[in-house]
C-alpha atoms as a PDB file:
ATOM      1  CA  MET A   1     107.581  82.959 124.803  1.00  0.00           C
ATOM      2  CA  PRO A   2     108.789  79.414 124.422  1.00  0.00           C
ATOM      3  CA  LEU A   3     110.710  78.850 120.834  1.00  0.00           C
ATOM      4  CA  PHE A   4     109.208  75.548 119.637  1.00  0.00           C
ATOM      5  CA  ALA A   5     105.511  76.605 120.832  1.00  0.00           C
ATOM      6  CA  ALA A   6     104.066  72.987 119.748  1.00  0.00           C
ATOM      7  CA  LEU A   7     104.702  69.868 117.649  1.00  0.00           C
ATOM      8  CA  GLU A   8     102.270  68.697 115.830  1.00  0.00           C
ATOM      9  CA  GLN A   9     101.999  65.004 115.507  1.00  0.00           C
ATOM     10  CA  ASN A  10      99.438  62.966 113.095  1.00  0.00           C
ATOM     11  CA  ASP A  11      97.657  60.037 114.158  1.00  0.00           C
ATOM     12  CA  ASN A  12      98.712  58.128 111.428  1.00  0.00           C
ATOM     13  CA  ALA A  13     101.726  55.933 112.009  1.00  0.00           C
ATOM     14  CA  VAL A  14     102.998  56.170 108.384  1.00  0.00           C
ATOM     15  CA  ASN A  15     102.897  59.924 108.382  1.00  0.00           C
ATOM     16  CA  ASN A  16     104.955  60.213 111.517  1.00  0.00           C
ATOM     17  CA  GLU A  17     107.386  58.179 110.122  1.00  0.00           C
ATOM     18  CA  TYR A  18     107.829  60.722 106.955  1.00  0.00           C
ATOM     19  CA  ILE A  19     106.265  64.218 107.953  1.00  0.00           C
ATOM     20  CA  THR A  20     107.368  66.296 110.890  1.00  0.00           C
ATOM     21  CA  GLU A  21     105.312  69.539 111.411  1.00  0.00           C
ATOM     22  CA  ILE A  22     106.948  72.568 114.120  1.00  0.00           C
ATOM     23  CA  CYS A  23     105.103  75.218 115.073  1.00  0.00           C
ATOM     24  CA  ILE A  24     107.975  78.080 115.598  1.00  0.00           C
ATOM     25  CA  LYS A  25     106.188  81.235 117.437  1.00  0.00           C
ATOM     26  CA  GLY A  26     108.546  84.302 118.025  1.00  0.00           C
ATOM     27  CA  HIS A  27     110.928  86.530 115.792  1.00  0.00           C
ATOM     28  CA  PRO A  28     111.372  85.190 112.029  1.00  0.00           C
ATOM     29  CA  SER A  29     115.139  84.743 113.076  1.00  0.00           C
ATOM     30  CA  GLN A  30     114.140  82.117 115.060  1.00  0.00           C
ATOM     31  CA  GLU A  31     113.583  80.008 112.173  1.00  0.00           C
ATOM     32  CA  LEU A  32     117.237  79.379 112.076  1.00  0.00           C
ATOM     33  CA  LEU A  33     117.359  77.412 114.805  1.00  0.00           C
ATOM     34  CA  ILE A  34     115.932  75.091 112.577  1.00  0.00           C
ATOM     35  CA  LEU A  35     119.177  74.367 111.061  1.00  0.00           C
ATOM     36  CA  PRO A  36     120.417  71.609 113.156  1.00  0.00           C
ATOM     37  CA  ILE A  37     117.441  69.488 112.771  1.00  0.00           C
ATOM     38  CA  ILE A  38     118.055  69.811 109.139  1.00  0.00           C
ATOM     39  CA  SER A  39     121.442  69.133 109.034  1.00  0.00           C
ATOM     40  CA  HIS A  40     120.482  66.107 111.305  1.00  0.00           C
ATOM     41  CA  LEU A  41     117.099  64.771 108.669  1.00  0.00           C
ATOM     42  CA  ALA A  42     120.226  65.375 106.427  1.00  0.00           C
ATOM     43  CA  GLY A  43     122.524  63.286 107.335  1.00  0.00           C
ATOM     44  CA  GLU A  44     125.495  61.554 105.630  1.00  0.00           C
ATOM     45  CA  ASP A  45     123.374  61.162 102.391  1.00  0.00           C
ATOM     46  CA  SER A  46     125.983  63.757 100.436  1.00  0.00           C
ATOM     47  CA  LYS A  47     124.175  62.693  96.926  1.00  0.00           C
ATOM     48  CA  ARG A  48     120.246  63.781  97.483  1.00  0.00           C
ATOM     49  CA  TRP A  49     119.316  67.356  98.262  1.00  0.00           C
ATOM     50  CA  VAL A  50     118.268  68.945 101.106  1.00  0.00           C
ATOM     51  CA  THR A  51     115.336  71.301  99.482  1.00  0.00           C
ATOM     52  CA  TRP A  52     113.836  74.281 101.270  1.00  0.00           C
ATOM     53  CA  ILE A  53     111.126  75.482 100.043  1.00  0.00           C
ATOM     54  CA  ASN A  54     110.359  79.836 101.381  1.00  0.00           C
ATOM     55  CA  PRO A  55     113.225  79.534 103.661  1.00  0.00           C
ATOM     56  CA  PRO A  56     114.198  82.238 105.380  1.00  0.00           C
ATOM     57  CA  SER A  57     117.222  84.453 104.634  1.00  0.00           C
ATOM     58  CA  LEU A  58     120.213  82.437 104.300  1.00  0.00           C
ATOM     59  CA  ASN A  59     123.768  82.614 103.518  1.00  0.00           C
ATOM     60  CA  ARG A  60     127.029  80.222 103.512  1.00  0.00           C
ATOM     61  CA  GLN A  61     128.546  81.501 106.632  1.00  0.00           C
ATOM     62  CA  ILE A  62     124.647  80.521 108.420  1.00  0.00           C
ATOM     63  CA  LEU A  63     124.702  77.096 106.505  1.00  0.00           C
ATOM     64  CA  LYS A  64     128.580  76.620 107.626  1.00  0.00           C
ATOM     65  CA  GLN A  65     127.647  76.512 111.693  1.00  0.00           C
ATOM     66  CA  PHE A  66     125.216  73.950 110.882  1.00  0.00           C
ATOM     67  CA  GLY A  67     127.490  71.830 108.375  1.00  0.00           C
ATOM     68  CA  LEU A  68     125.225  72.144 105.925  1.00  0.00           C
ATOM     69  CA  GLU A  69     127.497  74.307 103.888  1.00  0.00           C
ATOM     70  CA  LYS A  70     128.881  71.388 101.873  1.00  0.00           C
ATOM     71  CA  ARG A  71     125.633  69.895 101.235  1.00  0.00           C
ATOM     72  CA  PRO A  72     123.625  70.676  97.894  1.00  0.00           C
ATOM     73  CA  ILE A  73     120.715  72.893  98.952  1.00  0.00           C
ATOM     74  CA  LEU A  74     118.051  73.612  96.377  1.00  0.00           C
ATOM     75  CA  ILE A  75     115.703  77.141  97.736  1.00  0.00           C
ATOM     76  CA  ILE A  76     112.408  77.207  95.969  1.00  0.00           C
ATOM     77  CA  ASN A  77     110.378  80.155  96.355  1.00  0.00           C
ATOM     78  CA  SER A  78     106.923  79.989  95.881  1.00  0.00           C
ATOM     79  CA  ASP A  79     103.758  82.457  95.197  1.00  0.00           C
ATOM     80  CA  SER A  80     100.769  80.384  96.558  1.00  0.00           C
ATOM     81  CA  ASP A  81      99.773  77.888  99.112  1.00  0.00           C
ATOM     82  CA  GLU A  82      98.718  75.490  95.517  1.00  0.00           C
ATOM     83  CA  GLN A  83     102.317  76.130  94.112  1.00  0.00           C
ATOM     84  CA  LEU A  84     103.718  75.264  97.485  1.00  0.00           C
ATOM     85  CA  HIS A  85     101.371  71.911  97.771  1.00  0.00           C
ATOM     86  CA  ASN A  86     102.707  71.230  94.346  1.00  0.00           C
ATOM     87  CA  LEU A  87     106.384  71.616  94.698  1.00  0.00           C
ATOM     88  CA  LEU A  88     106.325  69.647  97.847  1.00  0.00           C
ATOM     89  CA  LEU A  89     104.645  66.471  96.316  1.00  0.00           C
ATOM     90  CA  ARG A  90     107.042  66.810  93.296  1.00  0.00           C
ATOM     91  CA  CYS A  91     110.114  67.321  95.467  1.00  0.00           C
ATOM     92  CA  LEU A  92     109.433  64.181  97.795  1.00  0.00           C
ATOM     93  CA  ASN A  93     108.091  62.028  95.061  1.00  0.00           C
ATOM     94  CA  SER A  94     111.374  62.547  92.650  1.00  0.00           C
ATOM     95  CA  GLY A  95     113.822  61.010  94.981  1.00  0.00           C
ATOM     96  CA  LYS A  96     116.236  63.100  94.444  1.00  0.00           C
ATOM     97  CA  SER A  97     115.828  65.302  97.788  1.00  0.00           C
ATOM     98  CA  ASN A  98     116.621  63.119 100.868  1.00  0.00           C
ATOM     99  CA  THR A  99     114.854  66.050 102.953  1.00  0.00           C
ATOM    100  CA  VAL A 100     112.156  68.658 101.893  1.00  0.00           C
ATOM    101  CA  VAL A 101     111.679  71.744 103.945  1.00  0.00           C
ATOM    102  CA  ALA A 102     108.974  73.859 103.834  1.00  0.00           C
ATOM    103  CA  ASN A 103     107.919  77.108 105.297  1.00  0.00           C
ATOM    104  CA  LEU A 104     103.786  77.521 105.762  1.00  0.00           C
ATOM    105  CA  ASN A 105     101.859  80.217 106.423  1.00  0.00           C
ATOM    106  CA  SER A 106      99.624  79.840 109.501  1.00  0.00           C
ATOM    107  CA  THR A 107      96.750  79.468 106.877  1.00  0.00           C
ATOM    108  CA  SER A 108      98.230  76.966 105.007  1.00  0.00           C
ATOM    109  CA  THR A 109      96.082  73.516 104.737  1.00  0.00           C
ATOM    110  CA  ILE A 110      98.027  70.605 103.576  1.00  0.00           C
ATOM    111  CA  ASN A 111      97.295  66.818 102.685  1.00  0.00           C
ATOM    112  CA  GLN A 112      99.260  64.734 104.953  1.00  0.00           C
ATOM    113  CA  ASP A 113      98.464  61.555 103.519  1.00  0.00           C
ATOM    114  CA  GLU A 114      99.612  62.679  99.960  1.00  0.00           C
ATOM    115  CA  LEU A 115     102.780  63.936 101.090  1.00  0.00           C
ATOM    116  CA  ALA A 116     103.385  60.567 103.143  1.00  0.00           C
ATOM    117  CA  TYR A 117     102.696  58.844  99.844  1.00  0.00           C
ATOM    118  CA  ALA A 118     105.431  60.871  98.015  1.00  0.00           C
ATOM    119  CA  ALA A 119     107.879  61.017 100.959  1.00  0.00           C
ATOM    120  CA  ILE A 120     107.502  57.247 101.149  1.00  0.00           C
ATOM    121  CA  ASN A 121     107.841  57.067  97.153  1.00  0.00           C
ATOM    122  CA  GLY A 122     110.881  59.284  97.044  1.00  0.00           C
ATOM    123  CA  LYS A 123     112.425  57.428 100.279  1.00  0.00           C
ATOM    124  CA  SER A 124     112.320  61.370 101.534  1.00  0.00           C
ATOM    125  CA  HIS A 125     111.701  62.892 104.591  1.00  0.00           C
ATOM    126  CA  CYS A 126     109.110  66.255 104.809  1.00  0.00           C
ATOM    127  CA  LEU A 127     109.940  68.763 107.245  1.00  0.00           C
ATOM    128  CA  LEU A 128     107.097  71.552 107.826  1.00  0.00           C
ATOM    129  CA  ILE A 129     107.404  74.622 109.474  1.00  0.00           C
ATOM    130  CA  ARG A 130     104.669  76.965 110.510  1.00  0.00           C
END
């Protein structure tokens, strides 16, 4: 089974610029392979956070392997899809994170137009992982 089962794109060009959605199938540890993408998206902006909502288990050694150990990383766990959606909007809109990553379950529905507006307002990038 391929690691990246699908790369979903929204038809709206504005959304494509600020929101990336990736579907990963297989063993849950394969989610860690997303770290190079996060490192790339975070770039050199060391003053703003990388915020990760509902991440897999992480430790400093794993982060160090991908150049993220010196980055300010905020890890948040949500209890529901509604809370996840609200957290995404707040984190993107605040401008304190240059990259906001969210691990979604397969049934989560996210309004990408709202996310795009918040990302534009906060000059942030959103990475959604299913």
